[in-house]
Structures are given as structure tokens and as C-alpha cells.
Protein backbone atom coordinates (compact mmCIF):
# COMPACT_ATOMS: atom_id res chain seq x y z
CA MET A 1 -17.49 0.99 -6.66
CA LYS A 2 -15.96 1.30 -10.22
CA ILE A 3 -12.23 0.90 -10.83
CA ASP A 4 -10.98 1.58 -14.37
CA ALA A 5 -7.79 2.50 -16.03
CA PHE A 6 -8.69 6.31 -15.56
CA PHE A 7 -8.81 5.77 -11.83
CA ILE A 8 -5.62 3.95 -11.78
CA ARG A 9 -4.07 6.57 -14.12
CA ARG A 10 -5.19 9.44 -11.84
CA ILE A 11 -3.50 7.58 -8.95
CA LEU A 12 -0.75 5.77 -10.56
CA PRO A 13 -0.07 6.83 -14.19
CA GLU A 14 3.48 5.45 -13.92
CA ILE A 15 4.85 2.77 -11.62
CA GLU A 16 8.36 1.01 -11.48
CA LEU A 17 8.24 -2.75 -10.81
CA ASN A 18 11.31 -4.98 -10.76
CA GLY A 19 13.32 -2.09 -12.46
CA HIS A 20 10.78 -1.64 -15.30
CA GLU A 21 8.76 1.48 -15.64
CA TYR A 22 5.27 0.94 -16.67
CA ARG A 23 2.41 3.54 -17.78
CA ALA A 24 -1.27 2.93 -17.94
CA THR A 25 -3.61 4.96 -20.17
CA LYS A 26 -7.39 5.26 -20.27
CA LEU A 27 -9.61 2.36 -21.25
CA SER A 28 -12.20 3.17 -23.85
CA VAL A 29 -15.78 3.35 -22.78
CA PHE A 30 -16.57 0.15 -24.58
CA ASP A 31 -13.72 -1.78 -22.89
CA GLN A 32 -14.94 -0.23 -19.67
CA LEU A 33 -18.46 -1.54 -20.16
CA LYS A 34 -17.23 -4.97 -21.30
CA GLY A 35 -15.18 -5.48 -18.12
CA THR A 36 -18.04 -4.11 -15.91
CA ARG A 37 -20.49 -6.57 -17.59
CA LYS A 38 -18.30 -9.39 -16.60
CA LEU A 39 -17.54 -8.21 -12.97
CA LEU A 40 -21.20 -7.19 -12.07
CA PRO A 41 -22.29 -10.91 -11.35
CA VAL A 42 -19.17 -11.35 -8.94
CA LEU A 43 -19.59 -7.98 -7.28
CA SER A 44 -23.28 -8.54 -6.88
CA GLY A 45 -22.58 -11.61 -4.99
CA LEU A 46 -20.46 -9.79 -2.61
CA THR A 47 -22.59 -6.99 -1.67
CA GLY A 48 -23.14 -8.09 1.91
CA GLU A 49 -19.50 -8.56 2.49
CA LEU A 50 -18.65 -5.18 1.01
CA GLN A 51 -21.16 -3.24 3.09
CA LYS A 52 -19.88 -5.05 6.18
CA LEU A 53 -16.32 -3.90 5.15
CA GLN A 54 -17.57 -0.24 4.61
CA GLN A 55 -19.27 -0.15 7.99
CA GLY A 56 -16.33 -1.56 9.97
CA GLU A 57 -18.10 -4.66 10.78
CA MET A 58 -15.82 -6.99 8.73
CA PRO A 59 -11.93 -6.82 8.45
CA MET A 60 -10.49 -6.73 4.84
CA ALA A 61 -8.64 -9.79 5.81
CA ALA A 62 -11.85 -11.59 6.17
CA VAL A 63 -13.36 -10.07 2.80
CA LEU A 64 -10.28 -11.01 0.69
CA PRO A 65 -10.63 -14.69 0.61
CA ILE A 66 -14.39 -14.49 -0.20
CA MET A 67 -13.47 -11.98 -3.11
CA ALA A 68 -10.61 -14.25 -4.24
CA ASN A 69 -12.87 -17.37 -4.26
CA ALA A 70 -15.65 -15.41 -6.28
CA ILE A 71 -12.98 -14.28 -8.67
CA ALA A 72 -11.58 -17.80 -8.91
CA GLN A 73 -15.05 -19.16 -9.95
CA MET A 74 -15.04 -17.07 -13.10
CA SER A 75 -14.44 -18.71 -16.42
CA ASP A 76 -11.30 -18.25 -18.15
CA GLU A 77 -13.11 -16.29 -20.95
CA ASP A 78 -14.73 -13.89 -18.58
CA CYS A 79 -11.23 -13.27 -16.83
CA ASN A 80 -9.68 -12.76 -20.25
CA ALA A 81 -12.49 -10.29 -21.29
CA ILE A 82 -11.47 -8.13 -18.29
CA LEU A 83 -7.62 -8.66 -18.19
CA HIS A 84 -6.91 -8.31 -21.85
CA PRO A 85 -8.17 -4.75 -22.42
CA CYS A 86 -6.84 -3.55 -18.99
CA LEU A 87 -3.34 -4.95 -19.83
CA ALA A 88 -3.58 -3.62 -23.44
CA VAL A 89 -3.48 0.03 -22.15
CA VAL A 90 -0.13 -0.67 -20.21
CA SER A 91 3.16 0.38 -21.79
CA ARG A 92 6.77 -0.38 -20.51
CA LYS A 93 9.70 1.76 -21.02
CA ASN A 94 12.75 0.21 -22.43
CA GLU A 95 16.04 1.32 -24.01
CA GLN A 96 14.48 2.17 -27.41
CA GLY A 97 11.57 4.06 -25.94
CA ILE A 98 8.21 2.94 -24.71
CA ASP A 99 6.52 -0.19 -25.97
CA ALA A 100 2.80 -1.55 -25.47
CA ASP A 101 3.77 -4.37 -23.17
CA PHE A 102 0.84 -6.77 -23.34
CA SER A 103 -0.56 -6.32 -27.00
CA ALA A 104 2.77 -7.44 -28.61
CA ARG A 105 2.58 -10.72 -26.57
CA ALA A 106 -1.43 -11.04 -26.45
CA SER A 107 -1.63 -12.98 -29.90
């Protein structure tokens, strides 16, 4: 199962959180590949649980702590390699227009 900014944009191109409007655009194919490469080891370790979830043999409430633990074991470098490109395609509407929300604060 692949979830990328294109998928999110199709479902939720714009969202309002805490009174701020956000918009997500599509990740480049290279950023998608980089993020996927970092997530593959995590996801491959969860295949059994994900199959049980899909087949209705395991509730989501039982799978979430396992997934959270696997993600918590990732290095900061790997997490940043996923989060930074994803957040870089998000912009926030303000009084002056729409600004890139994350990229301005990333450095």
C-alpha cells in the first residue's frame, strides 16, 4: 500500500486545522522513491500484522501500537528523509496569500 502526496491531494487537497487552511501538492517521483525506500524496511516487518488486519483477524487498535513502535525505532535521519519532502509540498493560506509552510522554516 503506497500513500503519497498525490493520494492525499486526491482525498484532501485542502484542509483546515486550528483555523489555518493548508494545501498539499504532489511529491516528485524522486521524493516518493526516497520516502518509499526509507519506509520499506518498516513495512516489511509489519506484513503479518497488515495481512491479519486486512483479513479482519486483528483489530486496528492492536496493529497501531506495533506500527508506532516500528516507526519509533527509525533513526531521526530516516524520519527526516520522509517528513521533510512531504511537508515541503504543504502550503498554508494567510492574510497575504499562500506561503510554503514548512520549507521556509526547514533551514
